[in-house]
Amino acid sequence: MCKPLKIIMKSIKYTFVFFASILLTTLANGQSIIDLSKNTPDNTISIPGTYLRIDTSGLDLTPSSNLRSYTNETDQTVFNIEQKQLSIEDYNSFIQSMLKFDSIIFEKNILFNEYKGKMILGRKNIQTIDKEVWICYLGNPDLVIEIKGIYNSELHSKYNRPFDKVIKSLFIDSKRDMSIYEDLPFYLDEIKYPYQKELSFMPQSIALSKEVNGAKRILTIVHFNISKKEINEIKQGYSSDAEKCVINEKEIFMRNTQTDSSITVEAIIVSGNRLIQLQGRAPMNDESAVSEFKEIAKSIEFK
């Protein structure tokens, strides 16, 4: 064999070995890595209630008022975004127990600077319909950003690329100032009532806490859009001795109960067909808790 040909064959051999080693490593790990750290916020929008920015221009879905959920009811397609106040370690434990796919199309590690997570696309039969389910999450020791999407498998060609493009456009702006109420239909003065946001699983709700002289106050606020009939039924559930007042066209009903160890304030705030339900709980020895909970009930404003 002539010398130039030997050199070419040797080069091909080493190239083959190089790529084979990469392939074997990928197969051994079962995953590849997507690093989005060089993404920029150009052409993206900020998602309220999160540090996330994404480009939704190719997503042919109808956005909700808070821009965190996108749907096409006819296609039974949903794309949803959430930010959760828990560590990436806790989230990993939670999500691994929840993932029950019939098959995995791909699973990849994903990075954005110090945020780490996974992007997973799997298939699941739900009520006899084959679905493709996307889950992408990135987090650090303080929070996790979660992106979920689902559509019928027969619509793969319509939604696969747009979902992939939107997810890979993500930019996390962790320096953004964000009100804990910005994605909720109500708000409270955060300076006057400096509570810390806790994990809440209910929609249009917030769980709050703060420590006062070593005692922990816990506050839960939930918003409902319901019929006038349902509101009247809830109002009737408050006894005649409940404290009542009207402030700026808001009807407010408050009552408190106690046990040997704790005291609880319950309140409803009504405006038209909108209702806010509040519950504040504190230890019995927290003497000023009841008055603060009632002040908060009177101070909550509808957006």
Protein backbone atom coordinates (compact mmCIF):
# COMPACT_ATOMS: atom_id res chain seq x y z
CA MET A 1 0.00 0.00 0.00
CA CYS A 2 1.42 3.41 -0.89
CA LYS A 3 2.38 5.73 1.96
CA PRO A 4 -0.34 8.42 1.39
CA LEU A 5 -3.01 5.72 1.42
CA LYS A 6 -1.63 4.29 4.68
CA ILE A 7 -1.81 7.73 6.27
CA ILE A 8 -5.42 8.19 5.13
CA MET A 9 -6.43 4.73 6.41
CA LYS A 10 -4.70 5.42 9.75
CA SER A 11 -6.49 8.75 10.05
CA ILE A 12 -9.86 7.08 9.32
CA LYS A 13 -9.06 4.43 11.96
CA TYR A 14 -8.35 7.01 14.68
CA THR A 15 -11.38 9.07 13.67
CA PHE A 16 -13.57 5.96 13.92
CA VAL A 17 -12.13 5.12 17.36
CA PHE A 18 -12.70 8.71 18.53
CA PHE A 19 -16.36 8.80 17.50
CA ALA A 20 -16.94 5.26 18.72
CA SER A 21 -15.67 6.25 22.16
CA ILE A 22 -18.09 9.19 22.20
CA LEU A 23 -20.94 6.94 21.12
CA LEU A 24 -20.11 4.37 23.80
CA THR A 25 -19.92 7.08 26.46
CA THR A 26 -23.28 8.47 25.37
CA LEU A 27 -24.85 5.03 25.35
CA ALA A 28 -23.37 4.25 28.76
CA ASN A 29 -24.76 7.43 30.27
CA GLY A 30 -27.96 7.22 28.25
CA GLN A 31 -28.03 11.00 28.06
CA SER A 32 -26.40 14.00 26.40
CA ILE A 33 -25.97 17.53 27.69
CA ILE A 34 -27.65 20.68 26.36
CA ASP A 35 -25.83 23.82 27.56
CA LEU A 36 -27.96 26.95 27.10
CA SER A 37 -25.69 29.25 29.11
CA LYS A 38 -24.92 31.39 26.05
CA ASN A 39 -28.60 32.19 25.43
CA THR A 40 -29.58 35.88 25.48
CA PRO A 41 -32.90 37.52 26.43
CA ASP A 42 -33.36 38.83 22.87
CA ASN A 43 -36.84 38.13 21.43
CA THR A 44 -38.03 36.59 24.71
CA ILE A 45 -40.84 37.56 27.09
CA SER A 46 -40.77 37.52 30.88
CA ILE A 47 -43.04 34.91 32.49
CA PRO A 48 -44.78 36.45 35.54
CA GLY A 49 -44.08 34.75 38.84
CA THR A 50 -40.81 33.29 37.54
CA TYR A 51 -37.28 34.31 36.60
CA LEU A 52 -37.81 32.70 33.22
CA ARG A 53 -37.80 34.41 29.83
CA ILE A 54 -38.70 32.44 26.68
CA ASP A 55 -39.48 33.04 23.01
CA THR A 56 -43.11 31.98 22.48
CA SER A 57 -43.34 33.30 18.90
CA GLY A 58 -43.53 29.82 17.36
CA LEU A 59 -46.01 28.46 19.88
CA ASP A 60 -49.39 28.35 18.14
CA LEU A 61 -51.34 28.24 21.42
CA THR A 62 -53.58 30.67 23.31
CA PRO A 63 -51.87 32.23 26.36
CA SER A 64 -53.60 32.57 29.72
CA SER A 65 -53.85 35.98 31.38
CA ASN A 66 -50.75 35.28 33.50
CA LEU A 67 -48.71 34.02 30.49
CA ARG A 68 -47.77 30.84 32.38
CA SER A 69 -50.12 28.51 30.55
CA TYR A 70 -50.73 28.09 26.79
CA THR A 71 -53.49 25.90 25.37
CA ASN A 72 -55.30 24.67 22.29
CA GLU A 73 -58.50 23.07 23.55
CA THR A 74 -59.39 21.60 20.15
CA ASP A 75 -56.04 19.79 19.94
CA GLN A 76 -56.03 19.01 23.69
CA THR A 77 -52.61 20.62 23.88
CA VAL A 78 -51.14 22.34 26.96
CA PHE A 79 -47.82 24.09 27.62
CA ASN A 80 -47.31 25.22 31.22
CA ILE A 81 -44.60 27.00 33.24
CA GLU A 82 -44.10 27.14 37.01
CA GLN A 83 -41.45 28.24 39.48
CA LYS A 84 -41.26 26.23 42.68
CA GLN A 85 -39.61 27.22 45.96
CA LEU A 86 -37.69 24.01 46.64
CA SER A 87 -34.19 22.75 45.97
CA ILE A 88 -33.24 20.88 42.82
CA GLU A 89 -32.33 17.88 45.02
CA ASP A 90 -35.82 17.76 46.56
CA TYR A 91 -37.43 18.25 43.15
CA ASN A 92 -35.39 15.40 41.65
CA SER A 93 -36.63 13.05 44.36
CA PHE A 94 -40.20 14.19 43.78
CA ILE A 95 -40.22 14.07 39.98
CA GLN A 96 -38.52 10.65 39.72
CA SER A 97 -41.34 9.13 41.76
CA MET A 98 -43.96 10.87 39.57
CA LEU A 99 -42.59 10.03 36.10
CA LYS A 100 -44.46 7.01 34.77
CA PHE A 101 -43.88 6.96 31.01
CA ASP A 102 -44.75 4.03 28.77
CA SER A 103 -41.57 4.83 26.82
CA ILE A 104 -38.86 7.51 26.70
CA ILE A 105 -38.14 9.23 23.39
CA PHE A 106 -35.15 11.10 24.84
CA GLU A 107 -33.75 12.26 28.17
CA LYS A 108 -31.02 14.91 28.26
CA ASN A 109 -29.20 16.87 30.94
CA ILE A 110 -29.68 20.61 30.56
CA LEU A 111 -27.69 23.57 31.91
CA PHE A 112 -28.12 27.32 32.17
CA ASN A 113 -25.18 28.74 34.11
CA GLU A 114 -25.57 27.43 37.69
CA TYR A 115 -29.04 26.00 37.00
CA LYS A 116 -29.05 22.28 36.24
CA GLY A 117 -31.79 19.86 35.31
CA LYS A 118 -33.21 17.63 32.60
CA MET A 119 -35.27 17.77 29.44
CA ILE A 120 -37.41 14.65 28.91
CA LEU A 121 -39.80 13.65 26.16
CA GLY A 122 -41.84 10.51 26.76
CA ARG A 123 -44.97 8.71 25.61
CA LYS A 124 -47.92 7.90 27.84
CA ASN A 125 -51.32 6.40 27.12
CA ILE A 126 -53.93 8.47 28.95
CA GLN A 127 -57.56 7.36 28.76
CA THR A 128 -56.80 5.25 25.65
CA ILE A 129 -55.15 8.20 23.85
CA ASP A 130 -51.40 8.13 23.12
CA LYS A 131 -49.77 11.34 24.34
CA GLU A 132 -46.33 12.88 24.07
CA VAL A 133 -45.29 14.55 27.31
CA TRP A 134 -42.48 17.10 27.69
CA ILE A 135 -40.89 17.86 31.03
CA CYS A 136 -38.01 20.31 31.37
CA TYR A 137 -36.74 21.52 34.71
CA LEU A 138 -33.74 23.53 35.90
CA GLY A 139 -32.90 24.50 39.43
CA ASN A 140 -30.40 25.33 42.14
CA PRO A 141 -30.50 24.93 45.94
CA ASP A 142 -33.21 27.62 46.21
CA LEU A 143 -35.70 27.13 43.38
CA VAL A 144 -36.77 25.07 40.38
CA ILE A 145 -38.26 26.28 37.09
CA GLU A 146 -40.51 23.63 35.53
CA ILE A 147 -41.82 23.53 31.94
CA LYS A 148 -44.40 20.91 31.00
CA GLY A 149 -46.16 20.21 27.70
CA ILE A 150 -48.54 17.57 26.41
CA TYR A 151 -50.24 16.81 23.09
CA ASN A 152 -51.69 13.81 21.27
CA SER A 153 -48.95 11.72 19.66
CA GLU A 154 -50.61 12.04 16.25
CA LEU A 155 -49.82 15.77 16.43
CA HIS A 156 -46.06 15.15 16.79
CA SER A 157 -45.22 16.89 13.50
CA LYS A 158 -47.23 19.98 14.54
CA TYR A 159 -45.91 20.52 18.06
CA ASN A 160 -42.58 18.70 18.47
CA ARG A 161 -40.35 21.34 16.89
CA PRO A 162 -42.16 24.38 18.38
CA PHE A 163 -42.00 22.89 21.90
CA ASP A 164 -38.31 22.06 21.44
CA LYS A 165 -37.56 25.56 20.12
CA VAL A 166 -39.40 27.34 22.94
CA ILE A 167 -37.66 25.32 25.65
CA LYS A 168 -34.21 25.85 24.10
CA SER A 169 -34.83 29.63 23.94
CA LEU A 170 -35.01 29.87 27.74
CA PHE A 171 -33.11 32.56 29.63
CA ILE A 172 -33.14 32.74 33.44
CA ASP A 173 -32.96 36.30 34.79
CA SER A 174 -32.34 35.67 38.48
CA LYS A 175 -31.55 39.36 39.14
CA ARG A 176 -35.06 40.48 38.25
CA ASP A 177 -37.03 42.09 41.08
CA MET A 178 -40.20 40.09 41.46
CA SER A 179 -43.21 40.62 43.70
CA ILE A 180 -44.45 37.43 45.33
CA TYR A 181 -47.96 38.47 44.20
CA GLU A 182 -47.18 39.40 40.60
CA ASP A 183 -48.82 36.34 39.05
CA LEU A 184 -51.81 36.36 41.41
CA PRO A 185 -55.20 38.15 41.04
CA PHE A 186 -54.68 39.97 44.36
CA TYR A 187 -51.90 41.77 46.19
CA LEU A 188 -50.76 42.88 49.63
CA ASP A 189 -48.29 45.51 50.81
CA GLU A 190 -45.03 43.53 51.03
CA ILE A 191 -43.24 46.24 53.05
CA LYS A 192 -45.94 46.49 55.71
CA TYR A 193 -46.43 42.70 55.83
CA PRO A 194 -43.00 41.14 55.10
CA TYR A 195 -43.93 37.48 54.84
CA GLN A 196 -41.89 34.78 53.10
CA LYS A 197 -43.47 32.79 50.26
CA GLU A 198 -43.81 29.05 50.84
CA LEU A 199 -44.68 26.19 48.48
CA SER A 200 -48.36 26.21 47.41
CA PHE A 201 -50.03 23.53 45.29
CA MET A 202 -53.38 25.26 44.71
CA PRO A 203 -53.91 27.56 41.69
CA GLN A 204 -54.39 31.29 42.35
CA SER A 205 -53.12 30.87 45.89
CA ILE A 206 -50.16 31.72 48.07
CA ALA A 207 -48.79 30.28 51.31
CA LEU A 208 -46.82 32.68 53.52
CA SER A 209 -44.92 32.54 56.79
CA LYS A 210 -42.87 34.70 59.13
CA GLU A 211 -41.35 34.44 62.57
CA VAL A 212 -42.26 36.86 65.36
CA ASN A 213 -40.37 36.50 68.66
CA GLY A 214 -39.62 32.88 67.88
CA ALA A 215 -43.24 32.04 66.98
CA LYS A 216 -44.16 31.13 63.40
CA ARG A 217 -47.19 32.73 61.74
CA ILE A 218 -48.63 30.85 58.75
CA LEU A 219 -50.96 32.51 56.28
CA THR A 220 -52.80 30.99 53.30
CA ILE A 221 -54.69 33.11 50.76
CA VAL A 222 -56.77 31.61 47.91
CA HIS A 223 -58.72 33.38 45.15
CA PHE A 224 -61.92 32.05 43.56
CA ASN A 225 -64.10 33.15 40.63
CA ILE A 226 -67.47 31.63 41.50
CA SER A 227 -71.20 32.30 41.11
CA LYS A 228 -73.17 34.69 43.28
CA LYS A 229 -75.16 31.73 44.60
CA GLU A 230 -71.98 29.95 45.73
CA ILE A 231 -70.70 33.14 47.36
CA ASN A 232 -73.98 33.59 49.27
CA GLU A 233 -73.75 30.00 50.51
CA ILE A 234 -70.22 30.62 51.79
CA LYS A 235 -71.29 33.87 53.46
CA GLN A 236 -74.15 32.05 55.21
CA GLY A 237 -71.61 29.63 56.63
CA TYR A 238 -70.22 32.41 58.78
CA SER A 239 -72.08 32.66 62.07
CA SER A 240 -74.00 35.74 63.10
CA ASP A 241 -71.28 36.70 65.57
CA ALA A 242 -68.60 36.92 62.83
CA GLU A 243 -66.97 40.31 62.48
CA LYS A 244 -68.20 42.05 59.32
CA CYS A 245 -67.20 45.23 57.54
CA VAL A 246 -67.29 46.89 54.10
CA ILE A 247 -64.20 48.64 52.70
CA ASN A 248 -64.12 50.08 49.17
CA GLU A 249 -66.96 47.82 47.98
CA LYS A 250 -65.32 44.75 49.55
CA GLU A 251 -67.37 42.73 51.99
CA ILE A 252 -65.18 41.20 54.68
CA PHE A 253 -66.23 38.47 57.13
CA MET A 254 -63.80 37.37 59.88
CA ARG A 255 -63.86 34.92 62.75
CA ASN A 256 -61.30 33.26 64.98
CA THR A 257 -61.09 29.95 66.81
CA GLN A 258 -58.56 28.53 69.22
CA THR A 259 -57.23 25.32 70.70
CA ASP A 260 -54.90 24.72 73.62
CA SER A 261 -51.88 25.32 71.41
CA SER A 262 -52.91 27.58 68.51
CA ILE A 263 -55.24 30.29 67.32
CA THR A 264 -56.74 30.57 63.84
CA VAL A 265 -58.29 33.48 61.98
CA GLU A 266 -60.52 32.71 58.99
CA ALA A 267 -61.80 35.40 56.65
CA ILE A 268 -63.50 35.84 53.31
CA ILE A 269 -63.24 38.96 51.18
CA VAL A 270 -65.96 39.37 48.55
CA SER A 271 -66.19 41.66 45.53
CA GLY A 272 -68.80 40.85 42.86
CA ASN A 273 -68.32 37.22 41.82
CA ARG A 274 -64.78 37.10 43.20
CA LEU A 275 -63.90 35.73 46.59
CA ILE A 276 -60.67 35.52 48.57
CA GLN A 277 -60.41 33.01 51.39
CA LEU A 278 -57.79 33.69 54.07
CA GLN A 279 -56.60 31.54 56.93
CA GLY A 280 -53.99 32.67 59.45
CA ARG A 281 -52.60 30.39 62.14
CA ALA A 282 -50.19 31.09 65.01
CA PRO A 283 -49.26 29.65 68.44
CA MET A 284 -51.48 30.69 71.38
CA ASN A 285 -48.67 32.73 72.93
CA ASP A 286 -48.38 34.97 69.82
CA GLU A 287 -50.59 37.72 71.21
CA SER A 288 -50.49 40.14 68.25
CA ALA A 289 -51.13 37.54 65.53
CA VAL A 290 -54.93 37.84 65.51
CA SER A 291 -54.90 41.60 65.04
CA GLU A 292 -52.36 41.35 62.20
CA PHE A 293 -54.31 38.62 60.40
CA LYS A 294 -57.44 40.78 60.55
CA GLU A 295 -55.51 43.83 59.30
CA ILE A 296 -54.27 41.74 56.37
CA ALA A 297 -57.84 40.61 55.55
CA LYS A 298 -58.88 44.25 55.39
CA SER A 299 -55.80 45.28 53.36
CA ILE A 300 -55.89 42.67 50.57
CA GLU A 301 -56.77 44.21 47.21
CA PHE A 302 -58.17 42.58 44.10
CA LYS A 303 -56.30 43.25 40.85
